[in-house]
N, C-alpha and C. Protein backbone atom coordinates (compact mmCIF):
# COMPACT_ATOMS: atom_id res chain seq x y z
N MET A 1 101.61 41.00 -81.70
CA MET A 1 102.08 40.75 -80.36
C MET A 1 101.53 39.41 -79.91
N SER A 2 102.39 38.59 -79.31
CA SER A 2 101.96 37.25 -78.91
C SER A 2 101.32 37.29 -77.50
N ARG A 3 100.40 36.39 -77.30
CA ARG A 3 99.73 36.27 -76.00
C ARG A 3 100.54 35.39 -75.09
N PRO A 4 100.47 35.61 -73.77
CA PRO A 4 101.11 34.65 -72.86
C PRO A 4 100.42 33.30 -72.91
N PRO A 5 101.17 32.25 -72.62
CA PRO A 5 100.50 30.96 -72.68
C PRO A 5 99.37 30.85 -71.68
N ARG A 6 98.28 30.19 -72.11
CA ARG A 6 97.14 29.99 -71.22
C ARG A 6 97.40 28.78 -70.34
N PRO A 7 96.98 28.86 -69.09
CA PRO A 7 97.16 27.70 -68.22
C PRO A 7 96.32 26.54 -68.76
N SER A 8 96.81 25.35 -68.57
CA SER A 8 96.09 24.16 -69.02
C SER A 8 94.82 24.02 -68.17
N ALA A 9 93.88 23.26 -68.72
CA ALA A 9 92.63 23.04 -68.02
C ALA A 9 92.91 22.31 -66.70
N SER A 10 93.86 21.39 -66.68
CA SER A 10 94.15 20.65 -65.45
C SER A 10 94.79 21.59 -64.44
N ARG A 11 95.63 22.49 -64.88
CA ARG A 11 96.26 23.45 -63.96
C ARG A 11 95.18 24.40 -63.41
N SER A 12 94.29 24.86 -64.27
CA SER A 12 93.20 25.74 -63.81
C SER A 12 92.27 25.05 -62.83
N SER A 13 91.95 23.79 -63.10
CA SER A 13 91.06 23.08 -62.18
C SER A 13 91.77 22.78 -60.86
N ALA A 14 93.07 22.50 -60.90
CA ALA A 14 93.82 22.29 -59.66
C ALA A 14 93.86 23.58 -58.86
N GLU A 15 94.13 24.69 -59.51
CA GLU A 15 94.14 25.99 -58.83
C GLU A 15 92.79 26.27 -58.16
N ALA A 16 91.72 26.04 -58.91
CA ALA A 16 90.35 26.31 -58.34
C ALA A 16 90.07 25.36 -57.18
N ARG A 17 90.45 24.11 -57.29
CA ARG A 17 90.20 23.13 -56.22
C ARG A 17 90.96 23.53 -54.97
N TYR A 18 92.22 23.86 -55.10
CA TYR A 18 93.00 24.23 -53.92
C TYR A 18 92.58 25.58 -53.35
N ARG A 19 92.16 26.51 -54.20
CA ARG A 19 91.67 27.81 -53.70
C ARG A 19 90.46 27.58 -52.80
N GLU A 20 89.55 26.70 -53.21
CA GLU A 20 88.39 26.39 -52.39
C GLU A 20 88.78 25.64 -51.11
N THR A 21 89.74 24.76 -51.21
CA THR A 21 90.22 24.03 -50.02
C THR A 21 90.83 25.00 -49.02
N ARG A 22 91.64 25.95 -49.50
CA ARG A 22 92.21 26.94 -48.60
C ARG A 22 91.12 27.81 -47.97
N ARG A 23 90.13 28.21 -48.76
CA ARG A 23 89.05 29.05 -48.25
C ARG A 23 88.33 28.34 -47.08
N LEU A 24 88.03 27.07 -47.27
CA LEU A 24 87.33 26.30 -46.23
C LEU A 24 88.22 26.14 -45.01
N ALA A 25 89.51 25.87 -45.21
CA ALA A 25 90.44 25.70 -44.08
C ALA A 25 90.59 27.02 -43.32
N PHE A 26 90.72 28.13 -44.05
CA PHE A 26 90.84 29.44 -43.42
C PHE A 26 89.55 29.78 -42.64
N GLN A 27 88.41 29.45 -43.17
CA GLN A 27 87.15 29.68 -42.48
C GLN A 27 87.11 28.86 -41.17
N GLN A 28 87.51 27.61 -41.25
CA GLN A 28 87.53 26.77 -40.05
C GLN A 28 88.52 27.36 -39.02
N ALA A 29 89.69 27.79 -39.45
CA ALA A 29 90.66 28.38 -38.52
C ALA A 29 90.14 29.66 -37.91
N GLN A 30 89.48 30.51 -38.70
CA GLN A 30 88.89 31.74 -38.18
C GLN A 30 87.90 31.44 -37.08
N GLU A 31 87.06 30.45 -37.27
CA GLU A 31 86.05 30.07 -36.28
C GLU A 31 86.73 29.59 -35.00
N GLU A 32 87.77 28.77 -35.15
CA GLU A 32 88.52 28.25 -34.00
C GLU A 32 89.18 29.42 -33.24
N LEU A 33 89.76 30.33 -33.96
CA LEU A 33 90.42 31.47 -33.33
C LEU A 33 89.41 32.40 -32.67
N ALA A 34 88.21 32.59 -33.30
CA ALA A 34 87.15 33.40 -32.72
C ALA A 34 86.68 32.80 -31.41
N ASP A 35 86.60 31.47 -31.34
CA ASP A 35 86.23 30.79 -30.09
C ASP A 35 87.26 31.07 -28.99
N ALA A 36 88.52 31.33 -29.41
CA ALA A 36 89.58 31.62 -28.43
C ALA A 36 89.68 33.12 -28.17
N GLY A 37 88.77 33.91 -28.75
CA GLY A 37 88.77 35.35 -28.52
C GLY A 37 89.70 36.16 -29.43
N ILE A 38 90.13 35.54 -30.53
CA ILE A 38 91.01 36.23 -31.47
C ILE A 38 90.27 36.47 -32.77
N GLY A 39 89.96 37.73 -33.05
CA GLY A 39 89.23 38.05 -34.24
C GLY A 39 90.18 38.33 -35.42
N VAL A 40 90.10 37.50 -36.44
CA VAL A 40 90.98 37.65 -37.62
C VAL A 40 90.20 37.43 -38.86
N ASP A 41 90.76 37.90 -39.96
CA ASP A 41 90.27 37.63 -41.30
C ASP A 41 91.44 36.99 -42.02
N LEU A 42 91.32 35.74 -42.36
CA LEU A 42 92.38 34.98 -43.04
C LEU A 42 92.06 34.90 -44.51
N ARG A 43 92.98 35.40 -45.31
CA ARG A 43 92.76 35.47 -46.79
C ARG A 43 94.06 35.04 -47.51
N PRO A 44 93.93 34.75 -48.77
CA PRO A 44 95.17 34.53 -49.58
C PRO A 44 95.88 35.87 -49.73
N ILE A 45 97.16 35.77 -50.05
CA ILE A 45 97.94 36.98 -50.33
C ILE A 45 97.47 37.51 -51.66
N ASP A 46 96.97 38.75 -51.64
CA ASP A 46 96.43 39.37 -52.86
C ASP A 46 96.94 40.78 -53.02
N ALA A 47 96.43 41.51 -53.98
CA ALA A 47 96.89 42.88 -54.23
C ALA A 47 96.69 43.76 -53.02
N ALA A 48 95.57 43.63 -52.31
CA ALA A 48 95.32 44.44 -51.11
C ALA A 48 96.39 44.16 -50.05
N ALA A 49 96.78 42.90 -49.90
CA ALA A 49 97.81 42.56 -48.92
C ALA A 49 99.14 43.16 -49.33
N MET A 50 99.45 43.09 -50.63
CA MET A 50 100.73 43.63 -51.11
C MET A 50 100.77 45.17 -50.94
N GLU A 51 99.63 45.81 -51.14
CA GLU A 51 99.57 47.27 -50.92
C GLU A 51 99.80 47.60 -49.46
N ALA A 52 99.11 46.89 -48.56
CA ALA A 52 99.28 47.11 -47.13
C ALA A 52 100.69 46.79 -46.68
N PHE A 53 101.25 45.73 -47.23
CA PHE A 53 102.61 45.32 -46.89
C PHE A 53 103.61 46.43 -47.22
N SER A 54 103.40 47.12 -48.35
CA SER A 54 104.35 48.14 -48.79
C SER A 54 104.42 49.32 -47.78
N ALA A 55 103.46 49.43 -46.88
CA ALA A 55 103.48 50.49 -45.87
C ALA A 55 104.05 50.04 -44.54
N TRP A 56 104.50 48.77 -44.43
CA TRP A 56 105.06 48.29 -43.16
C TRP A 56 106.29 49.09 -42.82
N PRO A 57 106.55 49.31 -41.52
CA PRO A 57 107.77 49.97 -41.09
C PRO A 57 108.98 49.06 -41.32
N PRO A 58 110.21 49.52 -41.03
CA PRO A 58 111.39 48.64 -41.24
C PRO A 58 111.21 47.28 -40.59
N ARG A 59 111.72 46.28 -41.31
CA ARG A 59 111.50 44.89 -40.94
C ARG A 59 112.79 44.22 -40.50
N ARG A 60 112.67 43.09 -39.78
CA ARG A 60 113.84 42.32 -39.35
C ARG A 60 114.39 41.43 -40.45
N VAL A 61 113.51 41.02 -41.34
CA VAL A 61 113.91 40.17 -42.49
C VAL A 61 113.57 40.90 -43.75
N ALA A 62 114.18 40.53 -44.83
CA ALA A 62 113.95 41.23 -46.10
C ALA A 62 113.37 40.29 -47.16
N TRP A 63 112.41 39.48 -46.76
CA TRP A 63 111.79 38.62 -47.75
C TRP A 63 111.02 39.43 -48.73
N PRO A 64 111.20 39.17 -50.02
CA PRO A 64 110.50 39.92 -51.09
C PRO A 64 109.11 39.36 -51.32
N TRP A 65 108.19 39.71 -50.47
CA TRP A 65 106.84 39.14 -50.53
C TRP A 65 106.17 39.22 -51.87
N PRO A 66 106.22 40.37 -52.57
CA PRO A 66 105.54 40.39 -53.91
C PRO A 66 106.11 39.33 -54.86
N ASP A 67 107.42 39.16 -54.85
CA ASP A 67 108.05 38.16 -55.73
C ASP A 67 107.76 36.75 -55.26
N LEU A 68 107.82 36.52 -53.94
CA LEU A 68 107.52 35.19 -53.41
C LEU A 68 106.09 34.77 -53.77
N ALA A 69 105.15 35.67 -53.52
CA ALA A 69 103.74 35.36 -53.81
C ALA A 69 103.54 35.05 -55.29
N ALA A 70 104.13 35.85 -56.15
CA ALA A 70 103.95 35.63 -57.59
C ALA A 70 104.61 34.31 -58.03
N ASP A 71 105.80 34.02 -57.54
CA ASP A 71 106.49 32.79 -57.91
C ASP A 71 105.74 31.54 -57.42
N TRP A 72 105.26 31.58 -56.17
CA TRP A 72 104.58 30.42 -55.64
C TRP A 72 103.22 30.25 -56.30
N ARG A 73 102.58 31.33 -56.70
CA ARG A 73 101.29 31.22 -57.42
C ARG A 73 101.50 30.45 -58.73
N LYS A 74 102.62 30.72 -59.38
CA LYS A 74 102.90 30.05 -60.67
C LYS A 74 103.19 28.56 -60.50
N GLY A 75 103.95 28.21 -59.47
CA GLY A 75 104.44 26.85 -59.39
C GLY A 75 103.77 25.92 -58.41
N HIS A 76 102.87 26.44 -57.57
CA HIS A 76 102.31 25.58 -56.52
C HIS A 76 100.81 25.83 -56.35
N PRO A 77 99.97 25.18 -57.08
CA PRO A 77 98.51 25.39 -56.90
C PRO A 77 98.05 24.98 -55.49
N ASP A 78 98.79 24.07 -54.86
CA ASP A 78 98.41 23.59 -53.52
C ASP A 78 99.05 24.38 -52.40
N ARG A 79 99.67 25.52 -52.72
CA ARG A 79 100.39 26.34 -51.76
C ARG A 79 99.52 26.79 -50.57
N PHE A 80 100.19 27.11 -49.54
CA PHE A 80 99.57 27.77 -48.36
C PHE A 80 100.06 29.22 -48.45
N ASP A 81 99.21 30.14 -48.90
CA ASP A 81 99.59 31.53 -48.88
C ASP A 81 98.53 32.28 -48.08
N LEU A 82 99.02 33.02 -47.06
CA LEU A 82 98.11 33.55 -46.08
C LEU A 82 98.46 35.00 -45.76
N ALA A 83 97.39 35.84 -45.80
CA ALA A 83 97.47 37.22 -45.31
C ALA A 83 96.55 37.26 -44.10
N VAL A 84 97.10 37.64 -42.97
CA VAL A 84 96.33 37.70 -41.71
C VAL A 84 95.96 39.16 -41.44
N TRP A 85 94.67 39.42 -41.37
CA TRP A 85 94.13 40.75 -41.14
C TRP A 85 93.39 40.78 -39.79
N SER A 86 93.48 41.91 -39.09
CA SER A 86 92.71 42.12 -37.90
C SER A 86 92.51 43.60 -37.70
N ASP A 87 91.29 44.00 -37.36
CA ASP A 87 90.95 45.42 -37.17
C ASP A 87 91.39 46.25 -38.38
N GLY A 88 91.26 45.70 -39.59
CA GLY A 88 91.56 46.44 -40.82
C GLY A 88 93.05 46.56 -41.12
N ALA A 89 93.89 45.93 -40.29
CA ALA A 89 95.35 46.01 -40.49
C ALA A 89 95.89 44.66 -40.97
N LEU A 90 96.85 44.73 -41.88
CA LEU A 90 97.56 43.51 -42.29
C LEU A 90 98.55 43.17 -41.20
N CYS A 91 98.34 42.07 -40.52
CA CYS A 91 99.15 41.73 -39.35
C CYS A 91 100.28 40.75 -39.67
N ALA A 92 100.15 39.95 -40.73
CA ALA A 92 101.17 38.97 -41.04
C ALA A 92 100.98 38.42 -42.46
N LEU A 93 102.06 37.87 -42.96
CA LEU A 93 102.06 37.15 -44.23
C LEU A 93 102.74 35.81 -43.97
N ALA A 94 102.32 34.76 -44.66
CA ALA A 94 102.89 33.43 -44.49
C ALA A 94 102.80 32.68 -45.80
N MET A 95 103.79 31.79 -46.04
CA MET A 95 103.78 31.01 -47.27
C MET A 95 104.42 29.64 -47.00
N GLY A 96 103.78 28.61 -47.50
CA GLY A 96 104.27 27.27 -47.37
C GLY A 96 103.64 26.36 -48.39
N ARG A 97 103.86 25.06 -48.21
CA ARG A 97 103.25 24.09 -49.15
C ARG A 97 103.29 22.71 -48.55
N PRO A 98 102.39 21.87 -49.02
CA PRO A 98 102.42 20.47 -48.54
C PRO A 98 103.52 19.69 -49.28
N ALA A 99 104.10 18.75 -48.58
CA ALA A 99 105.07 17.87 -49.24
C ALA A 99 104.29 17.00 -50.20
N PRO A 100 104.79 16.82 -51.44
CA PRO A 100 104.01 16.08 -52.43
C PRO A 100 103.82 14.60 -52.10
N LYS A 101 104.82 13.93 -51.50
CA LYS A 101 104.71 12.51 -51.25
C LYS A 101 105.03 12.15 -49.81
N ALA A 102 104.95 13.14 -48.93
CA ALA A 102 105.22 12.86 -47.51
C ALA A 102 104.07 13.40 -46.69
N PRO A 103 103.96 12.97 -45.48
CA PRO A 103 102.76 13.34 -44.67
C PRO A 103 102.91 14.67 -43.91
N HIS A 104 103.67 15.61 -44.45
CA HIS A 104 103.81 16.88 -43.71
C HIS A 104 103.47 18.12 -44.56
N MET A 105 103.16 19.16 -43.84
CA MET A 105 102.93 20.49 -44.44
C MET A 105 104.00 21.39 -43.91
N SER A 106 104.67 22.11 -44.83
CA SER A 106 105.80 22.97 -44.46
C SER A 106 105.43 24.43 -44.55
N LEU A 107 105.89 25.20 -43.58
CA LEU A 107 105.77 26.63 -43.61
C LEU A 107 107.19 27.16 -43.86
N HIS A 108 107.37 27.86 -44.98
CA HIS A 108 108.68 28.36 -45.38
C HIS A 108 108.90 29.79 -44.96
N TYR A 109 107.86 30.61 -44.96
CA TYR A 109 108.01 32.03 -44.64
C TYR A 109 106.84 32.48 -43.75
N MET A 110 107.21 33.24 -42.73
CA MET A 110 106.18 33.85 -41.88
C MET A 110 106.76 35.13 -41.37
N GLU A 111 106.01 36.20 -41.51
CA GLU A 111 106.50 37.50 -41.07
C GLU A 111 105.33 38.31 -40.49
N ALA A 112 105.55 38.81 -39.30
CA ALA A 112 104.54 39.67 -38.66
C ALA A 112 104.82 41.13 -39.03
N ASN A 113 103.77 41.91 -39.12
CA ASN A 113 103.89 43.34 -39.32
C ASN A 113 104.64 43.88 -38.11
N PRO A 114 105.80 44.56 -38.32
CA PRO A 114 106.63 45.00 -37.19
C PRO A 114 106.07 46.24 -36.48
N ASP A 115 104.96 46.76 -36.94
CA ASP A 115 104.41 47.96 -36.30
C ASP A 115 104.02 47.61 -34.84
N PRO A 116 104.47 48.44 -33.85
CA PRO A 116 104.19 48.14 -32.46
C PRO A 116 102.67 48.12 -32.14
N VAL A 117 101.86 48.70 -33.00
CA VAL A 117 100.41 48.65 -32.74
C VAL A 117 99.72 47.53 -33.54
N ASN A 118 100.47 46.57 -34.02
CA ASN A 118 99.92 45.40 -34.69
C ASN A 118 98.89 44.78 -33.75
N PRO A 119 97.62 44.68 -34.15
CA PRO A 119 96.60 44.16 -33.26
C PRO A 119 96.83 42.73 -32.82
N LEU A 120 97.69 41.96 -33.53
CA LEU A 120 97.98 40.61 -33.17
C LEU A 120 99.41 40.43 -32.63
N ARG A 121 100.00 41.51 -32.20
CA ARG A 121 101.34 41.46 -31.68
C ARG A 121 101.48 40.31 -30.68
N ARG A 122 102.48 39.52 -30.82
CA ARG A 122 102.80 38.34 -29.96
C ARG A 122 101.81 37.17 -30.14
N ARG A 123 100.89 37.27 -31.10
CA ARG A 123 99.96 36.16 -31.34
C ARG A 123 100.03 35.70 -32.80
N VAL A 124 100.85 36.34 -33.62
CA VAL A 124 100.89 36.00 -35.05
C VAL A 124 101.23 34.53 -35.30
N ALA A 125 102.25 34.03 -34.63
CA ALA A 125 102.69 32.64 -34.88
C ALA A 125 101.53 31.67 -34.54
N ALA A 126 100.87 31.87 -33.46
CA ALA A 126 99.76 31.00 -33.10
C ALA A 126 98.63 31.05 -34.12
N VAL A 127 98.34 32.25 -34.64
CA VAL A 127 97.31 32.39 -35.66
C VAL A 127 97.71 31.68 -36.95
N VAL A 128 98.95 31.91 -37.40
CA VAL A 128 99.43 31.29 -38.65
C VAL A 128 99.44 29.76 -38.52
N VAL A 129 99.92 29.27 -37.39
CA VAL A 129 100.00 27.83 -37.20
C VAL A 129 98.60 27.22 -37.11
N THR A 130 97.64 27.93 -36.56
CA THR A 130 96.26 27.42 -36.55
C THR A 130 95.73 27.29 -37.97
N ALA A 131 95.98 28.28 -38.82
CA ALA A 131 95.56 28.20 -40.22
C ALA A 131 96.31 27.14 -40.98
N LEU A 132 97.63 27.04 -40.75
CA LEU A 132 98.45 25.99 -41.38
C LEU A 132 97.92 24.61 -41.00
N GLN A 133 97.62 24.41 -39.75
CA GLN A 133 97.13 23.11 -39.29
C GLN A 133 95.78 22.79 -39.92
N ALA A 134 94.90 23.78 -40.01
CA ALA A 134 93.57 23.50 -40.59
C ALA A 134 93.71 23.08 -42.07
N TYR A 135 94.61 23.75 -42.80
CA TYR A 135 94.84 23.38 -44.19
C TYR A 135 95.50 22.02 -44.31
N ALA A 136 96.47 21.76 -43.45
CA ALA A 136 97.16 20.48 -43.46
C ALA A 136 96.18 19.33 -43.22
N MET A 137 95.29 19.54 -42.25
CA MET A 137 94.33 18.47 -41.90
C MET A 137 93.38 18.19 -43.06
N VAL A 138 92.93 19.25 -43.73
CA VAL A 138 92.04 19.07 -44.89
C VAL A 138 92.75 18.23 -45.97
N LEU A 139 94.06 18.45 -46.11
CA LEU A 139 94.82 17.72 -47.11
C LEU A 139 95.30 16.36 -46.64
N GLY A 140 94.98 16.00 -45.40
CA GLY A 140 95.37 14.68 -44.88
C GLY A 140 96.81 14.60 -44.39
N LYS A 141 97.42 15.70 -44.10
CA LYS A 141 98.78 15.69 -43.58
C LYS A 141 98.75 15.44 -42.07
N ARG A 142 99.85 14.86 -41.56
CA ARG A 142 99.88 14.51 -40.15
C ARG A 142 100.97 15.23 -39.35
N GLU A 143 101.69 16.12 -40.01
CA GLU A 143 102.80 16.84 -39.36
C GLU A 143 102.93 18.22 -39.92
N LEU A 144 103.31 19.18 -39.04
CA LEU A 144 103.65 20.53 -39.47
C LEU A 144 105.14 20.70 -39.34
N ARG A 145 105.71 21.42 -40.29
CA ARG A 145 107.13 21.75 -40.22
C ARG A 145 107.30 23.26 -40.48
N LEU A 146 108.10 23.89 -39.65
CA LEU A 146 108.53 25.28 -39.84
C LEU A 146 109.97 25.21 -40.35
N ILE A 147 110.15 25.50 -41.61
CA ILE A 147 111.45 25.30 -42.29
C ILE A 147 112.42 26.43 -42.01
N ASP A 148 113.62 26.06 -41.62
CA ASP A 148 114.74 26.99 -41.42
C ASP A 148 114.33 28.20 -40.56
N PRO A 149 113.85 27.96 -39.34
CA PRO A 149 113.39 29.08 -38.52
C PRO A 149 114.54 29.97 -38.09
N LEU A 150 114.21 31.23 -37.85
CA LEU A 150 115.23 32.15 -37.34
C LEU A 150 115.65 31.65 -35.96
N PRO A 151 116.96 31.54 -35.69
CA PRO A 151 117.43 30.97 -34.42
C PRO A 151 116.84 31.68 -33.19
N ALA A 152 116.58 32.96 -33.28
CA ALA A 152 116.06 33.71 -32.12
C ALA A 152 114.66 33.26 -31.71
N VAL A 153 113.89 32.68 -32.64
CA VAL A 153 112.51 32.28 -32.29
C VAL A 153 112.35 30.78 -32.07
N VAL A 154 113.41 30.01 -32.28
CA VAL A 154 113.32 28.56 -32.06
C VAL A 154 112.87 28.25 -30.62
N PRO A 155 113.40 28.90 -29.58
CA PRO A 155 112.89 28.60 -28.24
C PRO A 155 111.40 28.81 -28.09
N PHE A 156 110.86 29.84 -28.71
CA PHE A 156 109.43 30.07 -28.66
C PHE A 156 108.66 28.95 -29.36
N TYR A 157 109.10 28.56 -30.57
CA TYR A 157 108.42 27.48 -31.30
C TYR A 157 108.48 26.16 -30.50
N CYS A 158 109.58 25.96 -29.79
CA CYS A 158 109.75 24.70 -29.05
C CYS A 158 109.21 24.81 -27.63
N SER A 159 108.56 25.89 -27.29
CA SER A 159 107.94 26.06 -25.97
C SER A 159 106.71 25.19 -25.87
N THR A 160 106.25 25.02 -24.63
CA THR A 160 105.04 24.25 -24.40
C THR A 160 103.85 24.88 -25.14
N ARG A 161 103.84 26.19 -25.22
CA ARG A 161 102.74 26.90 -25.89
C ARG A 161 102.59 26.50 -27.34
N MET A 162 103.72 26.42 -28.08
CA MET A 162 103.65 26.09 -29.53
C MET A 162 103.82 24.61 -29.78
N GLY A 163 104.61 23.89 -28.98
CA GLY A 163 104.67 22.45 -29.08
C GLY A 163 105.52 21.82 -30.17
N PHE A 164 106.44 22.60 -30.75
CA PHE A 164 107.29 22.06 -31.80
C PHE A 164 108.57 21.50 -31.20
N THR A 165 109.26 20.67 -31.96
CA THR A 165 110.57 20.13 -31.60
C THR A 165 111.55 20.49 -32.72
N LEU A 166 112.74 20.91 -32.35
CA LEU A 166 113.76 21.27 -33.35
C LEU A 166 114.41 19.98 -33.89
N VAL A 167 114.50 19.93 -35.22
CA VAL A 167 115.17 18.83 -35.93
C VAL A 167 116.29 19.44 -36.71
N THR A 168 117.51 18.86 -36.60
CA THR A 168 118.66 19.39 -37.35
C THR A 168 119.27 18.26 -38.18
N PRO A 169 118.70 17.99 -39.34
CA PRO A 169 119.23 16.91 -40.18
C PRO A 169 120.58 17.30 -40.76
N ARG A 170 121.44 16.32 -40.87
CA ARG A 170 122.79 16.55 -41.42
C ARG A 170 122.66 16.99 -42.90
N GLY A 171 123.30 18.10 -43.21
CA GLY A 171 123.36 18.56 -44.61
C GLY A 171 122.08 19.27 -45.10
N GLU A 172 121.11 19.46 -44.24
CA GLU A 172 119.87 20.13 -44.62
C GLU A 172 119.55 21.25 -43.64
N ALA A 173 118.65 22.12 -44.01
CA ALA A 173 118.23 23.19 -43.13
C ALA A 173 117.48 22.62 -41.94
N PRO A 174 117.67 23.22 -40.76
CA PRO A 174 116.91 22.76 -39.60
C PRO A 174 115.45 23.08 -39.76
N TYR A 175 114.61 22.40 -39.02
CA TYR A 175 113.18 22.72 -39.01
C TYR A 175 112.60 22.37 -37.66
N CYS A 176 111.47 22.93 -37.37
CA CYS A 176 110.73 22.60 -36.18
C CYS A 176 109.53 21.76 -36.63
N ARG A 177 109.25 20.69 -35.92
CA ARG A 177 108.17 19.78 -36.31
C ARG A 177 107.19 19.59 -35.18
N ARG A 178 105.94 19.31 -35.55
CA ARG A 178 104.92 19.01 -34.58
C ARG A 178 103.88 18.08 -35.25
N SER A 179 103.53 17.01 -34.58
CA SER A 179 102.47 16.12 -35.09
C SER A 179 101.12 16.78 -34.89
N ILE A 180 100.20 16.44 -35.78
CA ILE A 180 98.82 16.93 -35.65
C ILE A 180 97.86 15.75 -35.64
């Protein structure tokens, strides 16, 4: 029986470097959120998150989180993959990545636990964006982008509270942008 190919040393070192960068960014975001009175545990998407996700009630979107997480782990060592926990509950999942040659960090997927007793109900986007911004800043990015947002939430993202602006480029998916 043949073995699966081993990751190259450079791939392994890149994965380790970005894992540590995410850890530090998540720690910084947790401290900032704690100062604002929001207690969270920000972690990468892992087996515990996938197990908790499988118990979520019916959802508004049908993103295949186990597949997304596995695919992005393979192809993007610099990815932003986030499981948001509070009071022992998985409150949200998010996935994005930095643009390789542009000054922005993109968030492609964000989903809150639809359970009405989600401890972070109505605060998930602010928590995720805080973590996204912390990671973007560590990587030297100057702009956040929320890619192809659901139309129903665009007014919230573009509100004074969140501070994004909707951009609708011709022939491409719309996105919300904010400078950092």
